[in-house]
């Protein structure tokens, strides 16, 4: 039976990492910038390509749908050609399709190029987490926090970069991403020593089979509904803010800062104090409050609730990622692939459904549905909580490790 690799030695500290880890983390920051990069320029894309909000929202849908499905092959690929080659192939695809996206003449072309971008992103992101966990000093927890820091930093910088470049021309953010990813390609080529291939090749069916584990399936399907709410905020809100690209970029920069701070500092502290599952309950409840605020508090309330919603999103990102890595007995890359296949479906569905609901029913309804999805996620956690019992041991271990320092 496959078992997890042994944890990396303790004591390195989150900031004392090998250069190969920092190179991979830099590329991860740029990869996650691609998620929020288009936020400030969504209205400009709609205007310049004569498209409706729901048509433009397909930029997210195609990206995350392909990302989700491609997660099922990432382990199969990396176990055969190695983690470094998989990272470089993923980066190459992102560079090519991000550059092509900048040349799009129709929204259909842009949606198609974003799908290719999503394939590269899947190969890179899934493998990057495994590479960082394997190479980082300080153990899996420090590696996951570093990965989530890259996610938070990328998500916060993406809208800012999109606003600055998009204010000159809506095509420039795509070219900028391609250039930054090319730098990431060079850094990883030079600095990352190819990690050894796993002793056993991963089967194509492994991620789906991994989801038969009660704890991993509970984590994944809870995250599916949570991600629907998450991407309702990210993909739909730019259309209701009624602001310039700079204004939208600054709002989502503030949101991204909250995501990063909550991921890196808030989540670990709360996990030690109240446990990972309770952090999930708390964050989902907070997200319900902010979703309803987005629906009913007016323009000022939309800005405040958008920024503050980054707090529960950051808490959940770290809590869910660590849960997916630790709750089952599957190898981490396999567990990550199965988990991400399910949860990214929420990111694929939310943008199109939310904008369609707003166009055809009411502009407040997308957030109400997002709040309802958080409530469903809470229900899944409550009913299937027993499957997450292994996380209590992980929380105790983390608290025990901190005890000498606190003494």
Protein backbone atom coordinates (compact mmCIF):
# COMPACT_ATOMS: atom_id res chain seq x y z
CA UNK A 1 0.00 0.00 0.00
CA UNK A 2 1.25 3.53 -0.73
CA UNK A 3 2.33 5.47 2.30
CA UNK A 4 3.19 9.12 2.81
CA UNK A 5 6.84 10.10 2.62
CA UNK A 6 8.39 10.92 5.96
CA UNK A 7 8.01 14.49 7.15
CA UNK A 8 10.88 16.88 6.56
CA UNK A 9 13.06 17.58 9.55
CA UNK A 10 11.87 20.14 12.02
CA UNK A 11 13.60 23.31 12.95
CA UNK A 12 14.21 25.02 9.63
CA UNK A 13 11.64 27.73 10.14
CA UNK A 14 9.23 28.95 7.51
CA UNK A 15 11.64 31.62 6.18
CA UNK A 16 14.80 29.50 6.21
CA UNK A 17 14.25 27.52 3.05
CA UNK A 18 16.45 26.22 0.21
CA UNK A 19 16.66 28.41 -2.89
CA UNK A 20 14.80 25.74 -4.85
CA UNK A 21 11.80 26.22 -2.56
CA UNK A 22 11.88 30.00 -3.02
CA UNK A 23 12.13 29.59 -6.80
CA UNK A 24 9.08 27.31 -6.80
CA UNK A 25 7.24 29.65 -4.42
CA UNK A 26 7.95 32.64 -6.71
CA UNK A 27 6.49 30.80 -9.68
CA UNK A 28 3.52 29.82 -7.50
CA UNK A 29 2.93 33.48 -6.63
CA UNK A 30 2.79 34.32 -10.35
CA UNK A 31 0.54 31.32 -11.03
CA UNK A 32 -1.93 32.49 -8.38
CA UNK A 33 -1.70 36.05 -9.70
CA UNK A 34 -3.37 34.65 -12.80
CA UNK A 35 -6.53 33.89 -10.80
CA UNK A 36 -7.30 37.49 -9.83
CA UNK A 37 -5.41 39.19 -12.64
CA UNK A 38 -8.48 39.56 -14.81
CA UNK A 39 -10.74 40.92 -12.04
CA UNK A 40 -10.07 44.64 -12.63
CA UNK A 41 -10.28 44.30 -16.41
CA UNK A 42 -13.48 42.21 -16.64
CA UNK A 43 -15.65 45.27 -17.46
CA UNK A 44 -13.04 46.46 -19.99
CA UNK A 45 -12.91 43.04 -21.64
CA UNK A 46 -16.70 43.00 -21.87
CA UNK A 47 -16.72 46.47 -23.45
CA UNK A 48 -13.83 45.89 -25.87
CA UNK A 49 -14.97 42.45 -27.04
CA UNK A 50 -18.70 43.33 -27.05
CA UNK A 51 -19.55 40.58 -24.54
CA UNK A 52 -22.01 40.24 -21.67
CA UNK A 53 -20.85 39.68 -18.08
CA UNK A 54 -21.88 36.02 -18.23
CA UNK A 55 -19.87 35.54 -21.43
CA UNK A 56 -16.81 37.16 -19.85
CA UNK A 57 -17.28 35.03 -16.72
CA UNK A 58 -16.45 32.02 -18.88
CA UNK A 59 -12.83 33.16 -18.54
CA UNK A 60 -13.01 31.74 -15.02
CA UNK A 61 -15.21 28.78 -15.91
CA UNK A 62 -12.98 27.44 -18.69
CA UNK A 63 -9.85 28.06 -16.60
CA UNK A 64 -11.09 26.23 -13.52
CA UNK A 65 -12.97 23.48 -15.34
CA UNK A 66 -9.83 22.45 -17.21
CA UNK A 67 -7.77 22.93 -14.04
CA UNK A 68 -10.10 20.60 -12.14
CA UNK A 69 -10.14 17.84 -14.75
CA UNK A 70 -6.39 18.11 -15.37
CA UNK A 71 -5.78 17.53 -11.65
CA UNK A 72 -6.65 13.89 -12.31
CA UNK A 73 -3.62 13.44 -14.56
CA UNK A 74 -1.02 15.48 -12.67
CA UNK A 75 0.13 12.59 -10.48
CA UNK A 76 0.15 10.17 -13.42
CA UNK A 77 2.36 12.59 -15.38
CA UNK A 78 4.74 13.60 -12.58
CA UNK A 79 5.30 10.02 -11.41
CA UNK A 80 6.52 9.14 -14.91
CA UNK A 81 8.56 12.17 -15.96
CA UNK A 82 9.40 13.64 -12.54
CA UNK A 83 8.28 16.70 -10.61
CA UNK A 84 10.71 19.18 -12.19
CA UNK A 85 9.78 18.31 -15.77
CA UNK A 86 6.09 18.49 -14.87
CA UNK A 87 6.59 21.96 -13.35
CA UNK A 88 8.44 23.15 -16.44
CA UNK A 89 5.82 21.78 -18.84
CA UNK A 90 3.10 23.49 -16.81
CA UNK A 91 5.00 26.78 -16.82
CA UNK A 92 5.57 26.54 -20.57
CA UNK A 93 1.86 26.07 -21.21
CA UNK A 94 1.01 29.06 -19.01
CA UNK A 95 3.55 31.26 -20.82
CA UNK A 96 2.22 30.25 -24.25
CA UNK A 97 -1.50 30.51 -23.49
CA UNK A 98 -1.24 33.69 -21.39
CA UNK A 99 0.57 35.35 -24.30
CA UNK A 100 -2.02 34.04 -26.76
CA UNK A 101 -4.81 35.36 -24.51
CA UNK A 102 -3.37 38.83 -24.98
CA UNK A 103 -3.82 38.51 -28.74
CA UNK A 104 -7.49 37.48 -28.59
CA UNK A 105 -9.90 39.15 -30.99
CA UNK A 106 -13.09 37.61 -29.61
CA UNK A 107 -14.31 36.50 -26.20
CA UNK A 108 -14.48 32.93 -27.53
CA UNK A 109 -10.78 32.96 -28.33
CA UNK A 110 -9.98 34.40 -24.91
CA UNK A 111 -12.06 31.71 -23.19
CA UNK A 112 -10.27 29.01 -25.19
CA UNK A 113 -6.81 30.35 -24.40
CA UNK A 114 -7.73 30.55 -20.71
CA UNK A 115 -8.60 26.84 -20.89
CA UNK A 116 -5.09 26.07 -22.13
CA UNK A 117 -3.75 28.31 -19.39
CA UNK A 118 -5.76 26.24 -16.88
CA UNK A 119 -4.13 23.02 -18.09
CA UNK A 120 -0.67 24.47 -17.50
CA UNK A 121 -1.77 25.87 -14.16
CA UNK A 122 -3.01 22.45 -13.02
CA UNK A 123 0.25 20.72 -13.90
CA UNK A 124 2.24 23.41 -12.14
CA UNK A 125 0.13 24.08 -9.03
CA UNK A 126 -0.49 20.45 -8.02
CA UNK A 127 3.15 19.55 -8.51
CA UNK A 128 4.44 22.74 -6.84
CA UNK A 129 2.68 21.86 -3.59
CA UNK A 130 4.24 18.40 -3.58
CA UNK A 131 7.69 19.82 -4.45
CA UNK A 132 7.50 22.48 -1.72
CA UNK A 133 6.32 19.94 0.87
CA UNK A 134 9.14 17.58 -0.12
CA UNK A 135 11.94 20.17 -0.23
CA UNK A 136 10.98 22.64 2.51
CA UNK A 137 12.60 22.62 5.93
CA UNK A 138 10.34 22.71 8.98
CA UNK A 139 7.97 19.90 8.02
CA UNK A 140 4.72 19.68 6.07
CA UNK A 141 2.93 22.34 8.12
CA UNK A 142 5.57 25.00 7.38
CA UNK A 143 5.53 24.01 3.71
CA UNK A 144 1.74 24.32 3.50
CA UNK A 145 1.85 27.73 5.21
CA UNK A 146 4.52 28.83 2.72
CA UNK A 147 2.38 27.55 -0.16
CA UNK A 148 -0.66 29.38 1.20
CA UNK A 149 1.47 32.51 1.62
CA UNK A 150 2.34 32.25 -2.08
CA UNK A 151 -1.35 31.82 -2.85
CA UNK A 152 -2.33 34.83 -0.74
CA UNK A 153 0.44 37.02 -2.13
CA UNK A 154 -0.39 36.01 -5.69
CA UNK A 155 -4.10 36.58 -5.22
CA UNK A 156 -3.46 40.01 -3.68
CA UNK A 157 -0.92 41.13 -6.29
CA UNK A 158 -2.92 39.79 -9.23
CA UNK A 159 -5.69 42.43 -9.12
CA UNK A 160 -3.14 45.19 -8.49
CA UNK A 161 -1.02 44.12 -11.48
CA UNK A 162 -4.16 43.68 -13.56
CA UNK A 163 -5.28 47.22 -12.69
CA UNK A 164 -1.92 48.87 -13.37
CA UNK A 165 -1.32 47.08 -16.66
CA UNK A 166 -4.98 46.95 -17.68
CA UNK A 167 -5.34 50.72 -17.28
CA UNK A 168 -2.96 51.06 -20.24
CA UNK A 169 -4.51 48.26 -22.27
CA UNK A 170 -6.65 45.29 -21.26
CA UNK A 171 -4.25 42.97 -23.12
CA UNK A 172 -1.15 43.94 -21.12
CA UNK A 173 -1.93 41.87 -17.97
CA UNK A 174 -1.85 38.70 -20.06
CA UNK A 175 1.51 39.59 -21.60
CA UNK A 176 2.83 40.54 -18.16
CA UNK A 177 1.87 37.15 -16.72
CA UNK A 178 3.59 35.38 -19.61
CA UNK A 179 6.79 37.34 -18.94
CA UNK A 180 6.76 36.66 -15.19
CA UNK A 181 6.10 32.96 -15.73
CA UNK A 182 9.02 32.83 -18.15
CA UNK A 183 11.20 34.16 -15.31
CA UNK A 184 9.78 31.45 -13.04
CA UNK A 185 10.66 28.87 -15.69
CA UNK A 186 14.28 30.04 -15.75
CA UNK A 187 14.56 30.10 -11.93
CA UNK A 188 13.20 26.57 -11.55
CA UNK A 189 15.35 25.31 -14.43
CA UNK A 190 18.48 26.58 -12.70
CA UNK A 191 17.75 26.30 -8.97
CA UNK A 192 15.53 23.24 -8.54
CA UNK A 193 17.31 19.92 -8.35
CA UNK A 194 15.09 17.28 -9.89
CA UNK A 195 13.42 15.40 -7.01
CA UNK A 196 13.56 11.61 -7.24
CA UNK A 197 10.67 9.92 -8.99
CA UNK A 198 8.34 8.04 -6.64
CA UNK A 199 9.10 4.32 -6.31
CA UNK A 200 5.69 3.47 -7.78
CA UNK A 201 3.99 5.11 -10.75
CA UNK A 202 0.65 6.70 -9.98
CA UNK A 203 -2.34 5.17 -11.74
CA UNK A 204 -4.80 7.42 -13.56
CA UNK A 205 -7.56 6.20 -11.27
CA UNK A 206 -5.61 6.96 -8.07
CA UNK A 207 -7.12 10.42 -7.31
CA UNK A 208 -10.68 9.14 -7.76
CA UNK A 209 -9.93 6.05 -5.68
CA UNK A 210 -8.45 8.29 -2.98
CA UNK A 211 -11.80 10.06 -2.68
CA UNK A 212 -13.31 6.84 -1.34
CA UNK A 213 -11.66 7.76 1.96
CA UNK A 214 -14.31 9.34 4.17
CA UNK A 215 -12.08 12.11 5.46
CA UNK A 216 -10.78 13.20 2.07
CA UNK A 217 -14.21 13.09 0.42
CA UNK A 218 -15.69 15.11 3.31
CA UNK A 219 -12.94 17.71 2.94
CA UNK A 220 -13.28 17.83 -0.86
CA UNK A 221 -17.06 18.17 -1.08
CA UNK A 222 -17.18 20.70 1.74
CA UNK A 223 -14.55 22.67 -0.18
CA UNK A 224 -16.63 22.39 -3.37
CA UNK A 225 -19.46 24.41 -1.79
CA UNK A 226 -17.02 26.75 -0.05
CA UNK A 227 -15.24 27.45 -3.34
CA UNK A 228 -18.55 28.29 -4.99
CA UNK A 229 -18.98 31.09 -2.46
CA UNK A 230 -15.30 32.09 -2.77
CA UNK A 231 -15.47 32.51 -6.54
CA UNK A 232 -18.83 34.25 -6.43
CA UNK A 233 -16.99 37.02 -4.59
CA UNK A 234 -13.98 36.95 -6.88
CA UNK A 235 -15.62 36.66 -10.29
CA UNK A 236 -18.97 38.44 -9.89
CA UNK A 237 -18.17 41.38 -7.61
CA UNK A 238 -16.14 43.37 -10.21
CA UNK A 239 -19.35 43.81 -12.21
CA UNK A 240 -21.30 45.29 -9.27
CA UNK A 241 -18.59 47.56 -7.87
CA UNK A 242 -19.12 50.09 -10.66
CA UNK A 243 -15.51 51.31 -10.37
CA UNK A 244 -12.55 51.89 -12.64
CA UNK A 245 -9.87 49.23 -13.14
CA UNK A 246 -7.76 50.97 -10.49
CA UNK A 247 -10.65 51.03 -8.03
CA UNK A 248 -11.47 47.35 -8.56
CA UNK A 249 -7.78 46.48 -8.33
CA UNK A 250 -7.37 48.29 -5.01
CA UNK A 251 -10.48 46.67 -3.51
CA UNK A 252 -9.26 43.21 -4.45
CA UNK A 253 -5.72 44.04 -3.38
CA UNK A 254 -7.12 44.74 0.08
CA UNK A 255 -9.09 41.51 -0.14
CA UNK A 256 -5.96 39.60 -1.14
CA UNK A 257 -3.96 41.08 1.75
CA UNK A 258 -6.64 39.79 4.12
CA UNK A 259 -6.43 36.37 2.45
CA UNK A 260 -2.65 36.29 2.88
CA UNK A 261 -2.64 37.46 6.52
CA UNK A 262 -5.39 35.05 7.53
CA UNK A 263 -3.72 32.15 5.69
CA UNK A 264 -0.25 32.64 7.11
CA UNK A 265 -0.90 34.02 10.59
CA UNK A 266 -4.57 33.60 11.51
CA UNK A 267 -5.22 30.02 10.48
CA UNK A 268 -2.21 28.35 12.20
CA UNK A 269 -2.85 30.22 15.46
CA UNK A 270 -6.55 29.33 15.46
CA UNK A 271 -5.87 25.71 14.49
CA UNK A 272 -3.68 25.32 17.58
CA UNK A 273 -6.25 26.98 19.81
CA UNK A 274 -9.55 25.51 18.61
CA UNK A 275 -8.63 22.84 16.03
CA UNK A 276 -8.80 22.66 12.23
CA UNK A 277 -12.45 21.58 11.96
CA UNK A 278 -13.65 24.37 14.24
CA UNK A 279 -11.66 26.85 12.12
CA UNK A 280 -13.62 25.61 9.10
CA UNK A 281 -16.94 26.07 10.92
CA UNK A 282 -15.97 29.56 12.06
CA UNK A 283 -14.71 30.67 8.64
CA UNK A 284 -17.76 29.34 6.79
CA UNK A 285 -20.08 31.13 9.25
CA UNK A 286 -18.16 34.39 8.75
CA UNK A 287 -18.34 33.99 4.99
CA UNK A 288 -22.13 33.64 5.22
CA UNK A 289 -22.24 36.98 7.06
CA UNK A 290 -20.11 38.74 4.44
CA UNK A 291 -22.02 37.18 1.52
CA UNK A 292 -25.28 38.51 2.95
CA UNK A 293 -23.61 41.88 3.51
CA UNK A 294 -22.61 41.93 -0.15
CA UNK A 295 -26.21 41.26 -1.09
CA UNK A 296 -27.95 43.85 1.08
CA UNK A 297 -25.62 46.60 2.39
CA UNK A 298 -25.28 48.85 -0.66
CA UNK A 299 -22.16 50.09 -2.47
CA UNK A 300 -20.11 50.98 0.61
CA UNK A 301 -21.07 47.69 2.22
CA UNK A 302 -20.01 45.81 -0.91
CA UNK A 303 -16.51 47.32 -0.71
CA UNK A 304 -16.12 46.60 3.03
CA UNK A 305 -17.56 43.09 2.81
CA UNK A 306 -15.45 42.24 -0.22
CA UNK A 307 -12.23 43.19 1.60
CA UNK A 308 -13.23 41.52 4.88
CA UNK A 309 -14.37 38.33 3.14
CA UNK A 310 -10.66 37.69 2.55
CA UNK A 311 -10.35 36.77 6.24
CA UNK A 312 -12.59 33.66 6.22
CA UNK A 313 -11.32 32.75 2.74
CA UNK A 314 -7.72 32.84 3.98
CA UNK A 315 -8.59 30.80 7.08
CA UNK A 316 -10.36 28.19 4.98
CA UNK A 317 -7.67 27.98 2.32
CA UNK A 318 -5.07 26.93 4.88
CA UNK A 319 -7.41 24.73 6.92
CA UNK A 320 -8.76 22.85 3.90
CA UNK A 321 -5.36 22.40 2.26
CA UNK A 322 -3.82 21.01 5.44
CA UNK A 323 -6.85 18.77 5.99
CA UNK A 324 -6.57 17.36 2.47
CA UNK A 325 -2.87 16.65 2.98
CA UNK A 326 -3.21 15.02 6.40
CA UNK A 327 -6.62 13.37 6.73
CA UNK A 328 -6.15 10.31 4.51
CA UNK A 329 -3.50 7.61 4.08
CA UNK A 330 -3.00 8.40 0.37
CA UNK A 331 0.29 9.93 -0.81
CA UNK A 332 0.06 13.71 -0.64
CA UNK A 333 0.21 14.32 -4.42
CA UNK A 334 -2.64 11.82 -4.96
CA UNK A 335 -4.75 13.26 -2.13
CA UNK A 336 -4.11 16.78 -3.44
CA UNK A 337 -5.18 15.80 -6.97
CA UNK A 338 -8.43 14.19 -5.84
CA UNK A 339 -9.23 17.06 -3.50
CA UNK A 340 -8.49 19.74 -6.09
CA UNK A 341 -10.49 17.95 -8.79
CA UNK A 342 -13.61 18.27 -6.64
CA UNK A 343 -13.05 21.67 -5.08
CA UNK A 344 -12.10 23.51 -8.31
CA UNK A 345 -15.46 22.51 -9.75
CA UNK A 346 -16.89 25.14 -7.41
CA UNK A 347 -14.60 27.70 -9.02
CA UNK A 348 -15.76 26.57 -12.46
CA UNK A 349 -19.48 26.74 -11.72
CA UNK A 350 -19.77 29.91 -9.63
CA UNK A 351 -18.69 32.64 -12.10
CA UNK A 352 -21.13 31.70 -14.88
CA UNK A 353 -24.05 30.79 -12.62
CA UNK A 354 -23.63 33.95 -10.53
CA UNK A 355 -23.56 36.31 -13.51
CA UNK A 356 -26.49 34.51 -15.16
CA UNK A 357 -28.56 34.80 -11.96
CA UNK A 358 -27.78 38.51 -11.84
CA UNK A 359 -28.63 39.05 -15.51
CA UNK A 360 -31.89 37.11 -15.49
CA UNK A 361 -33.20 37.34 -11.90
CA UNK A 362 -31.65 39.79 -9.43
CA UNK A 363 -28.20 41.22 -8.70
CA UNK A 364 -28.42 40.23 -5.01
CA UNK A 365 -29.25 36.59 -5.69
CA UNK A 366 -25.70 35.37 -6.47
CA UNK A 367 -24.55 36.27 -2.96
CA UNK A 368 -27.60 34.70 -1.36
CA UNK A 369 -26.81 31.49 -3.24
CA UNK A 370 -23.19 31.81 -2.11
CA UNK A 371 -24.32 32.10 1.51
CA UNK A 372 -26.56 29.05 1.03
CA UNK A 373 -23.58 27.08 -0.32
CA UNK A 374 -21.62 27.95 2.83
CA UNK A 375 -24.55 26.69 4.89
CA UNK A 376 -24.51 23.42 2.91
CA UNK A 377 -20.76 23.15 3.57
CA UNK A 378 -21.38 23.58 7.30
CA UNK A 379 -24.02 20.85 7.11
CA UNK A 380 -21.62 18.43 5.41
CA UNK A 381 -18.99 19.12 8.08
CA UNK A 382 -21.48 18.60 10.88
CA UNK A 383 -22.90 15.34 9.52
CA UNK A 384 -19.54 13.81 8.53
CA UNK A 385 -17.31 15.26 11.21
CA UNK A 386 -16.34 11.82 12.53
CA UNK A 387 -14.42 11.23 9.29
CA UNK A 388 -12.14 14.15 10.16
CA UNK A 389 -11.04 12.68 13.50
CA UNK A 390 -7.43 12.18 12.26
CA UNK A 391 -7.09 15.97 12.11
CA UNK A 392 -7.42 16.12 15.90
CA UNK A 393 -4.17 14.16 16.19
CA UNK A 394 -2.46 16.57 13.77
CA UNK A 395 -3.69 19.58 15.79
CA UNK A 396 -2.42 17.99 19.03
CA UNK A 397 0.96 17.32 17.42
CA UNK A 398 1.24 20.94 16.29
CA UNK A 399 0.26 22.25 19.71
CA UNK A 400 2.78 19.93 21.38
CA UNK A 401 5.55 21.16 19.06
CA UNK A 402 4.80 24.76 20.08
CA UNK A 403 4.64 23.97 23.81
CA UNK A 404 8.42 24.15 24.52
CA UNK A 405 8.67 27.52 22.78
CA UNK A 406 5.77 28.86 24.82
CA UNK A 407 7.13 27.50 28.10
